[in-house]
Protein backbone atom coordinates (compact mmCIF):
# COMPACT_ATOMS: atom_id res chain seq x y z
CA MET A 1 10.92 -24.24 -6.89
CA PRO A 2 13.61 -21.92 -8.05
CA LEU A 3 15.61 -19.65 -6.02
CA TYR A 4 16.16 -16.05 -7.67
CA ARG A 5 18.66 -13.43 -7.15
CA THR A 6 17.02 -9.83 -7.30
CA LEU A 7 19.03 -7.20 -9.54
CA GLU A 8 17.41 -4.44 -8.06
CA ARG A 9 14.76 -3.72 -4.86
CA LEU A 10 11.69 -5.25 -5.34
CA SER A 11 8.07 -5.22 -3.52
CA GLY A 12 6.16 -8.16 -3.63
CA ASP A 13 1.94 -8.14 -3.73
CA ASP A 14 1.94 -9.09 -0.03
CA GLY A 15 4.04 -5.91 0.90
CA THR A 16 7.40 -7.91 1.41
CA VAL A 17 10.48 -6.07 0.55
CA TYR A 18 13.14 -8.02 -1.41
CA GLU A 19 16.70 -5.87 -1.33
CA MET A 20 18.88 -6.04 -4.44
CA GLY A 21 20.92 -8.75 -4.29
CA ILE A 22 19.42 -11.19 -2.29
CA VAL A 23 18.74 -14.83 -3.00
CA SER A 24 15.13 -16.30 -2.34
CA PRO A 25 12.35 -18.26 -3.48
CA LEU A 26 10.60 -14.56 -3.79
CA GLY A 27 7.22 -16.21 -2.40
CA GLY A 28 5.58 -12.77 -2.02
CA ILE A 29 5.39 -12.44 -6.20
CA THR A 30 3.20 -14.20 -8.04
CA SER A 31 4.04 -16.31 -10.88
CA LYS A 32 2.90 -14.20 -13.53
CA ALA A 33 4.88 -11.18 -12.15
CA LEU A 34 8.01 -13.54 -11.72
CA ALA A 35 8.03 -14.14 -15.51
CA ALA A 36 7.79 -10.36 -16.22
CA LEU A 37 10.59 -9.64 -13.77
CA LEU A 38 12.58 -12.49 -15.73
CA ALA A 39 11.87 -11.04 -19.12
CA LYS A 40 13.19 -7.55 -17.83
CA HIS A 41 16.12 -9.05 -16.29
CA ARG A 42 14.82 -7.39 -12.79
CA ILE A 43 16.05 -11.13 -11.46
CA VAL A 44 17.58 -14.13 -12.50
CA VAL A 45 17.08 -17.93 -11.53
CA VAL A 46 20.01 -18.95 -9.15
CA ASP A 47 21.95 -22.05 -10.42
CA SER A 48 21.68 -23.92 -7.23
CA PRO A 49 24.38 -26.26 -6.34
CA PRO A 50 24.54 -29.79 -4.80
CA LEU A 51 24.27 -29.69 -1.02
CA ARG A 52 27.45 -32.24 -1.01
CA VAL A 53 29.68 -29.77 -2.52
CA LEU A 54 29.36 -26.93 0.16
CA PRO A 55 31.92 -27.21 2.66
CA GLY A 56 31.08 -29.28 5.59
CA TRP A 57 27.82 -30.54 4.23
CA LYS A 58 28.99 -34.04 2.72
CA ASP A 59 27.12 -35.85 5.78
CA LYS A 60 23.95 -33.71 5.96
CA ALA A 61 23.59 -34.02 2.02
CA ALA A 62 23.64 -37.93 2.43
CA VAL A 63 20.69 -37.29 5.14
CA LEU A 64 18.86 -35.47 2.83
CA GLU A 65 19.36 -37.13 -0.56
CA PRO A 66 17.11 -39.97 0.20
CA LEU A 67 14.08 -37.60 0.66
CA GLY A 68 14.89 -36.00 -2.78
CA ILE A 69 16.87 -33.00 -1.42
CA GLU A 70 19.87 -32.78 -3.29
CA ASP A 71 20.72 -29.06 -3.78
CA VAL A 72 20.26 -25.70 -2.30
CA SER A 73 17.04 -24.73 -3.80
CA GLN A 74 15.18 -28.00 -2.63
CA LEU A 75 16.23 -27.73 0.80
CA VAL A 76 15.58 -23.81 1.21
CA THR A 77 11.82 -24.34 -0.65
CA ALA A 78 10.81 -27.80 1.13
CA ASP A 79 8.37 -28.34 3.85
CA LEU A 80 11.06 -28.11 6.48
CA ASP A 81 8.16 -29.33 9.39
CA LYS A 82 7.76 -32.43 7.00
CA VAL A 83 11.48 -32.91 6.63
CA ALA A 84 12.20 -32.28 10.42
CA GLU A 85 9.45 -35.04 11.22
CA GLU A 86 11.16 -37.74 8.87
CA LEU A 87 14.36 -37.27 9.94
CA GLY A 88 13.35 -37.14 13.64
CA THR A 89 15.12 -33.76 14.17
CA THR A 90 13.71 -30.08 15.41
CA VAL A 91 12.32 -27.79 12.63
CA GLU A 92 14.56 -25.26 14.16
CA ASN A 93 17.75 -27.24 13.32
CA LEU A 94 16.69 -27.64 9.85
CA ARG A 95 15.81 -24.03 9.34
CA GLU A 96 19.28 -23.00 10.48
CA ALA A 97 21.07 -25.81 8.10
CA ALA A 98 18.71 -24.16 5.21
CA GLN A 99 19.81 -20.65 6.18
CA GLU A 100 23.47 -21.52 6.23
CA ALA A 101 23.24 -23.62 3.01
CA GLN A 102 21.18 -20.37 1.45
CA SER A 103 24.05 -18.17 2.53
CA TRP A 104 26.48 -19.94 0.07
CA LEU A 105 24.58 -18.32 -2.37
CA THR A 106 24.67 -14.71 -0.88
CA ILE A 107 26.90 -12.13 -1.99
CA GLU A 108 28.06 -9.89 0.66
CA LYS A 109 27.98 -6.50 0.57
CA GLU A 110 31.00 -4.30 0.82
CA ASP A 111 30.62 -1.42 3.11
C-alpha cells in the first residue's frame, strides 16, 4: 500500500481530517476517491526510501527484510501485530519504530 502526501487539507469518508503536508496511507479515503485526488493533484504518492538508508536503521532493516519489509511504506502499512509476533517484540516498540521511519518523510512546518 502506498503512502501519500496531502497537498491540501482533506477529510476522509470516516471523518478523519488529514492536514496539508502529512504523509499517510490515507486509510479513511476510498480507492476511488484516492484516484480522483491524485488526478486533481490534491495528493501525491510518496517515493518511499529503503529502511537501510535511514540514519540508524541498518540493523533494524536487516531484521525486517526477511519479512518482506524493505521500505518505509511497507513498514508503515504492515500488520504490525503480526510482524511483532514474528519478531518476538512488542507491538508498541514496532509502532514507535514505524512512526520514527515515517517521520523521515515528514516536512516540518516552519512557525
